[in-house]
């Protein structure tokens, strides 16, 4: 009986460790996704501003 109890506890500990590892990795991935969305938003705004500036500049010189 003692052996089965130890095996179950060991299995539970390993499952919890694996779950914690998964949560940590998922948190890193989520942070990376948030950073990527922020970067894409900033990049789109920069590209739009650059396009608008180039269009206005070209319009004035034509």
PDB file of N, CA and C in Angstrom:
ATOM      1  N   UNK A   1       0.820  -1.194   0.000  1.00  0.00           N
ATOM      2  CA  UNK A   1       0.000   0.000   0.000  1.00  0.00           C
ATOM      3  C   UNK A   1       0.865   1.260   0.000  1.00  0.00           C
ATOM      4  N   UNK A   2       1.932   1.225   0.786  1.00  0.00           N
ATOM      5  CA  UNK A   2       2.839   2.377   0.875  1.00  0.00           C
ATOM      6  C   UNK A   2       3.440   2.700  -0.498  1.00  0.00           C
ATOM      7  N   UNK A   3       3.799   1.669  -1.234  1.00  0.00           N
ATOM      8  CA  UNK A   3       4.428   1.838  -2.551  1.00  0.00           C
ATOM      9  C   UNK A   3       3.473   2.533  -3.527  1.00  0.00           C
ATOM     10  N   UNK A   4       2.225   2.106  -3.565  1.00  0.00           N
ATOM     11  CA  UNK A   4       1.243   2.732  -4.460  1.00  0.00           C
ATOM     12  C   UNK A   4       1.034   4.193  -4.094  1.00  0.00           C
ATOM     13  N   UNK A   5       1.002   4.463  -2.829  1.00  0.00           N
ATOM     14  CA  UNK A   5       0.803   5.826  -2.347  1.00  0.00           C
ATOM     15  C   UNK A   5       1.971   6.723  -2.800  1.00  0.00           C
ATOM     16  N   UNK A   6       3.196   6.206  -2.661  1.00  0.00           N
ATOM     17  CA  UNK A   6       4.379   6.957  -3.091  1.00  0.00           C
ATOM     18  C   UNK A   6       4.374   7.184  -4.595  1.00  0.00           C
ATOM     19  N   UNK A   7       3.965   6.155  -5.348  1.00  0.00           N
ATOM     20  CA  UNK A   7       3.912   6.283  -6.807  1.00  0.00           C
ATOM     21  C   UNK A   7       2.901   7.345  -7.230  1.00  0.00           C
ATOM     22  N   UNK A   8       1.764   7.365  -6.584  1.00  0.00           N
ATOM     23  CA  UNK A   8       0.727   8.346  -6.922  1.00  0.00           C
ATOM     24  C   UNK A   8       1.204   9.762  -6.594  1.00  0.00           C
ATOM     25  N   UNK A   9       1.848   9.908  -5.434  1.00  0.00           N
ATOM     26  CA  UNK A   9       2.374  11.223  -5.067  1.00  0.00           C
ATOM     27  C   UNK A   9       3.463  11.675  -6.032  1.00  0.00           C
ATOM     28  N   UNK A  10       4.332  10.736  -6.420  1.00  0.00           N
ATOM     29  CA  UNK A  10       5.388  11.057  -7.379  1.00  0.00           C
ATOM     30  C   UNK A  10       4.786  11.478  -8.717  1.00  0.00           C
ATOM     31  N   UNK A  11       3.792  10.754  -9.159  1.00  0.00           N
ATOM     32  CA  UNK A  11       3.114  11.087 -10.407  1.00  0.00           C
ATOM     33  C   UNK A  11       2.448  12.464 -10.321  1.00  0.00           C
ATOM     34  N   UNK A  12       1.814  12.737  -9.203  1.00  0.00           N
ATOM     35  CA  UNK A  12       1.170  14.028  -9.004  1.00  0.00           C
ATOM     36  C   UNK A  12       2.193  15.164  -9.031  1.00  0.00           C
ATOM     37  N   UNK A  13       3.315  14.963  -8.362  1.00  0.00           N
ATOM     38  CA  UNK A  13       4.373  15.982  -8.345  1.00  0.00           C
ATOM     39  C   UNK A  13       4.890  16.226  -9.762  1.00  0.00           C
ATOM     40  N   UNK A  14       5.141  15.163 -10.506  1.00  0.00           N
ATOM     41  CA  UNK A  14       5.637  15.326 -11.881  1.00  0.00           C
ATOM     42  C   UNK A  14       4.612  16.012 -12.774  1.00  0.00           C
ATOM     43  N   UNK A  15       3.341  15.696 -12.583  1.00  0.00           N
ATOM     44  CA  UNK A  15       2.285  16.363 -13.368  1.00  0.00           C
ATOM     45  C   UNK A  15       2.225  17.854 -13.049  1.00  0.00           C
ATOM     46  N   UNK A  16       2.311  18.180 -11.771  1.00  0.00           N
ATOM     47  CA  UNK A  16       2.272  19.589 -11.383  1.00  0.00           C
ATOM     48  C   UNK A  16       3.493  20.342 -11.895  1.00  0.00           C
ATOM     49  N   UNK A  17       4.661  19.715 -11.857  1.00  0.00           N
ATOM     50  CA  UNK A  17       5.869  20.349 -12.393  1.00  0.00           C
ATOM     51  C   UNK A  17       5.736  20.581 -13.893  1.00  0.00           C
ATOM     52  N   UNK A  18       5.201  19.590 -14.593  1.00  0.00           N
ATOM     53  CA  UNK A  18       5.006  19.734 -16.044  1.00  0.00           C
ATOM     54  C   UNK A  18       3.998  20.841 -16.336  1.00  0.00           C
ATOM     55  N   UNK A  19       2.949  20.905 -15.549  1.00  0.00           N
ATOM     56  CA  UNK A  19       1.932  21.944 -15.732  1.00  0.00           C
ATOM     57  C   UNK A  19       2.519  23.324 -15.476  1.00  0.00           C
ATOM     58  N   UNK A  20       3.326  23.448 -14.435  1.00  0.00           N
ATOM     59  CA  UNK A  20       3.975  24.718 -14.138  1.00  0.00           C
ATOM     60  C   UNK A  20       4.905  25.133 -15.267  1.00  0.00           C
ATOM     61  N   UNK A  21       5.674  24.183 -15.784  1.00  0.00           N
ATOM     62  CA  UNK A  21       6.558  24.468 -16.913  1.00  0.00           C
ATOM     63  C   UNK A  21       5.749  24.944 -18.117  1.00  0.00           C
ATOM     64  N   UNK A  22       4.652  24.268 -18.386  1.00  0.00           N
ATOM     65  CA  UNK A  22       3.801  24.654 -19.512  1.00  0.00           C
ATOM     66  C   UNK A  22       3.253  26.067 -19.316  1.00  0.00           C
ATOM     67  N   UNK A  23       2.797  26.372 -18.100  1.00  0.00           N
ATOM     68  CA  UNK A  23       2.266  27.710 -17.825  1.00  0.00           C
ATOM     69  C   UNK A  23       3.331  28.787 -17.994  1.00  0.00           C
ATOM     70  N   UNK A  24       4.542  28.499 -17.549  1.00  0.00           N
ATOM     71  CA  UNK A  24       5.638  29.461 -17.711  1.00  0.00           C
ATOM     72  C   UNK A  24       5.928  29.711 -19.187  1.00  0.00           C
ATOM     73  N   UNK A  25       5.985  28.641 -19.968  1.00  0.00           N
ATOM     74  CA  UNK A  25       6.228  28.787 -21.416  1.00  0.00           C
ATOM     75  C   UNK A  25       5.078  29.529 -22.091  1.00  0.00           C
ATOM     76  N   UNK A  26       3.854  29.206 -21.688  1.00  0.00           N
ATOM     77  CA  UNK A  26       2.688  29.877 -22.256  1.00  0.00           C
ATOM     78  C   UNK A  26       2.719  31.367 -21.930  1.00  0.00           C
ATOM     79  N   UNK A  27       3.144  31.710 -20.731  1.00  0.00           N
ATOM     80  CA  UNK A  27       3.251  33.105 -20.324  1.00  0.00           C
ATOM     81  C   UNK A  27       4.293  33.828 -21.165  1.00  0.00           C
ATOM     82  N   UNK A  28       5.434  33.170 -21.430  1.00  0.00           N
ATOM     83  CA  UNK A  28       6.466  33.767 -22.290  1.00  0.00           C
ATOM     84  C   UNK A  28       5.916  34.001 -23.696  1.00  0.00           C
ATOM     85  N   UNK A  29       5.188  33.009 -24.221  1.00  0.00           N
ATOM     86  CA  UNK A  29       4.622  33.142 -25.569  1.00  0.00           C
ATOM     87  C   UNK A  29       3.595  34.270 -25.621  1.00  0.00           C
ATOM     88  N   UNK A  30       2.790  34.379 -24.577  1.00  0.00           N
ATOM     89  CA  UNK A  30       1.797  35.449 -24.519  1.00  0.00           C
ATOM     90  C   UNK A  30       2.474  36.814 -24.490  1.00  0.00           C
ATOM     91  N   UNK A  31       3.526  36.933 -23.708  1.00  0.00           N
ATOM     92  CA  UNK A  31       4.272  38.192 -23.638  1.00  0.00           C
ATOM     93  C   UNK A  31       4.885  38.523 -24.998  1.00  0.00           C
ATOM     94  N   UNK A  32       5.385  37.521 -25.683  1.00  0.00           N
ATOM     95  CA  UNK A  32       5.962  37.737 -27.011  1.00  0.00           C
ATOM     96  C   UNK A  32       4.882  38.167 -28.001  1.00  0.00           C
ATOM     97  N   UNK A  33       3.696  37.574 -27.911  1.00  0.00           N
ATOM     98  CA  UNK A  33       2.597  37.968 -28.795  1.00  0.00           C
ATOM     99  C   UNK A  33       2.174  39.416 -28.541  1.00  0.00           C
ATOM    100  N   UNK A  34       2.115  39.804 -27.272  1.00  0.00           N
ATOM    101  CA  UNK A  34       1.750  41.184 -26.936  1.00  0.00           C
ATOM    102  C   UNK A  34       2.796  42.142 -27.493  1.00  0.00           C
ATOM    103  N   UNK A  35       4.063  41.794 -27.334  1.00  0.00           N
ATOM    104  CA  UNK A  35       5.152  42.633 -27.849  1.00  0.00           C
ATOM    105  C   UNK A  35       5.081  42.728 -29.371  1.00  0.00           C
ATOM    106  N   UNK A  36       4.767  41.609 -30.031  1.00  0.00           N
ATOM    107  CA  UNK A  36       4.669  41.614 -31.493  1.00  0.00           C
ATOM    108  C   UNK A  36       3.503  42.492 -31.952  1.00  0.00           C
ATOM    109  N   UNK A  37       2.358  42.396 -31.272  1.00  0.00           N
ATOM    110  CA  UNK A  37       1.213  43.238 -31.633  1.00  0.00           C
ATOM    111  C   UNK A  37       1.549  44.713 -31.455  1.00  0.00           C
ATOM    112  N   UNK A  38       2.241  45.027 -30.366  1.00  0.00           N
ATOM    113  CA  UNK A  38       2.659  46.414 -30.118  1.00  0.00           C
ATOM    114  C   UNK A  38       3.586  46.889 -31.228  1.00  0.00           C
ATOM    115  N   UNK A  39       4.569  46.036 -31.580  1.00  0.00           N
ATOM    116  CA  UNK A  39       5.510  46.390 -32.634  1.00  0.00           C
ATOM    117  C   UNK A  39       4.792  46.575 -33.975  1.00  0.00           C
ATOM    118  N   UNK A  40       3.860  45.676 -34.283  1.00  0.00           N
ATOM    119  CA  UNK A  40       3.129  45.794 -35.554  1.00  0.00           C
ATOM    120  C   UNK A  40       2.302  47.076 -35.611  1.00  0.00           C
ATOM    121  N   UNK A  41       1.666  47.423 -34.491  1.00  0.00           N
ATOM    122  CA  UNK A  41       0.867  48.647 -34.429  1.00  0.00           C
ATOM    123  C   UNK A  41       1.752  49.864 -34.640  1.00  0.00           C
ATOM    124  N   UNK A  42       2.893  49.886 -33.958  1.00  0.00           N
ATOM    125  CA  UNK A  42       3.823  51.007 -34.126  1.00  0.00           C
ATOM    126  C   UNK A  42       4.358  51.060 -35.551  1.00  0.00           C
ATOM    127  N   UNK A  43       4.657  49.910 -36.114  1.00  0.00           N
ATOM    128  CA  UNK A  43       5.186  49.857 -37.470  1.00  0.00           C
ATOM    129  C   UNK A  43       4.153  50.328 -38.489  1.00  0.00           C
ATOM    130  N   UNK A  44       2.892  49.920 -38.304  1.00  0.00           N
ATOM    131  CA  UNK A  44       1.829  50.368 -39.206  1.00  0.00           C
ATOM    132  C   UNK A  44       1.653  51.887 -39.124  1.00  0.00           C
ATOM    133  N   UNK A  45       1.675  52.423 -37.899  1.00  0.00           N
ATOM    134  CA  UNK A  45       1.524  53.863 -37.731  1.00  0.00           C
ATOM    135  C   UNK A  45       2.690  54.592 -38.388  1.00  0.00           C
ATOM    136  N   UNK A  46       3.889  54.076 -38.225  1.00  0.00           N
ATOM    137  CA  UNK A  46       5.065  54.696 -38.840  1.00  0.00           C
ATOM    138  C   UNK A  46       4.950  54.651 -40.363  1.00  0.00           C
ATOM    139  N   UNK A  47       4.568  53.491 -40.902  1.00  0.00           N
ATOM    140  CA  UNK A  47       4.435  53.341 -42.352  1.00  0.00           C
ATOM    141  C   UNK A  47       3.362  54.280 -42.902  1.00  0.00           C
ATOM    142  N   UNK A  48       2.250  54.395 -42.188  1.00  0.00           N
ATOM    143  CA  UNK A  48       1.178  55.286 -42.622  1.00  0.00           C
ATOM    144  C   UNK A  48       1.648  56.734 -42.612  1.00  0.00           C
ATOM    145  N   UNK A  49       2.352  57.132 -41.560  1.00  0.00           N
ATOM    146  CA  UNK A  49       2.878  58.490 -41.487  1.00  0.00           C
ATOM    147  C   UNK A  49       3.885  58.757 -42.594  1.00  0.00           C
ATOM    148  N   UNK A  50       4.745  57.780 -42.853  1.00  0.00           N
ATOM    149  CA  UNK A  50       5.741  57.940 -43.911  1.00  0.00           C
ATOM    150  C   UNK A  50       5.058  58.050 -45.279  1.00  0.00           C
ATOM    151  N   UNK A  51       4.058  57.223 -45.522  1.00  0.00           N
ATOM    152  CA  UNK A  51       3.335  57.265 -46.791  1.00  0.00           C
ATOM    153  C   UNK A  51       2.634  58.612 -46.955  1.00  0.00           C
ATOM    154  N   UNK A  52       1.994  59.082 -45.897  1.00  0.00           N
ATOM    155  CA  UNK A  52       1.291  60.366 -45.942  1.00  0.00           C
ATOM    156  C   UNK A  52       2.272  61.489 -46.210  1.00  0.00           C
ATOM    157  N   UNK A  53       3.412  61.477 -45.539  1.00  0.00           N
ATOM    158  CA  UNK A  53       4.421  62.518 -45.735  1.00  0.00           C
ATOM    159  C   UNK A  53       4.941  62.481 -47.173  1.00  0.00           C
ATOM    160  N   UNK A  54       5.254  61.295 -47.685  1.00  0.00           N
ATOM    161  CA  UNK A  54       5.759  61.182 -49.053  1.00  0.00           C
ATOM    162  C   UNK A  54       4.716  61.649 -50.059  1.00  0.00           C
ATOM    163  N   UNK A  55       3.457  61.330 -49.818  1.00  0.00           N
ATOM    164  CA  UNK A  55       2.400  61.738 -50.726  1.00  0.00           C
ATOM    165  C   UNK A  55       2.276  63.266 -50.726  1.00  0.00           C
ATOM    166  N   UNK A  56       2.288  63.883 -49.540  1.00  0.00           N
ATOM    167  CA  UNK A  56       2.193  65.339 -49.458  1.00  0.00           C
ATOM    168  C   UNK A  56       3.391  65.993 -50.108  1.00  0.00           C
ATOM    169  N   UNK A  57       4.561  65.454 -49.904  1.00  0.00           N
ATOM    170  CA  UNK A  57       5.782  66.012 -50.479  1.00  0.00           C
ATOM    171  C   UNK A  57       5.724  65.934 -52.011  1.00  0.00           C
ATOM    172  N   UNK A  58       5.313  64.774 -52.527  1.00  0.00           N
ATOM    173  CA  UNK A  58       5.232  64.588 -53.992  1.00  0.00           C
ATOM    174  C   UNK A  58       4.162  65.519 -54.565  1.00  0.00           C
ATOM    175  N   UNK A  59       3.051  65.651 -53.879  1.00  0.00           N
ATOM    176  CA  UNK A  59       1.959  66.491 -54.354  1.00  0.00           C
ATOM    177  C   UNK A  59       2.412  67.952 -54.481  1.00  0.00           C
ATOM    178  N   UNK A  60       3.197  68.436 -53.527  1.00  0.00           N
ATOM    179  CA  UNK A  60       3.661  69.817 -53.555  1.00  0.00           C
ATOM    180  C   UNK A  60       4.640  70.094 -54.682  1.00  0.00           C
ATOM    181  N   UNK A  61       5.412  69.100 -55.063  1.00  0.00           N
ATOM    182  CA  UNK A  61       6.453  69.310 -56.065  1.00  0.00           C
ATOM    183  C   UNK A  61       6.005  68.983 -57.484  1.00  0.00           C
ATOM    184  N   UNK A  62       4.819  68.483 -57.650  1.00  0.00           N
ATOM    185  CA  UNK A  62       4.361  68.162 -59.013  1.00  0.00           C
ATOM    186  C   UNK A  62       3.741  69.359 -59.700  1.00  0.00           C
TER     187      UNK A  62
END
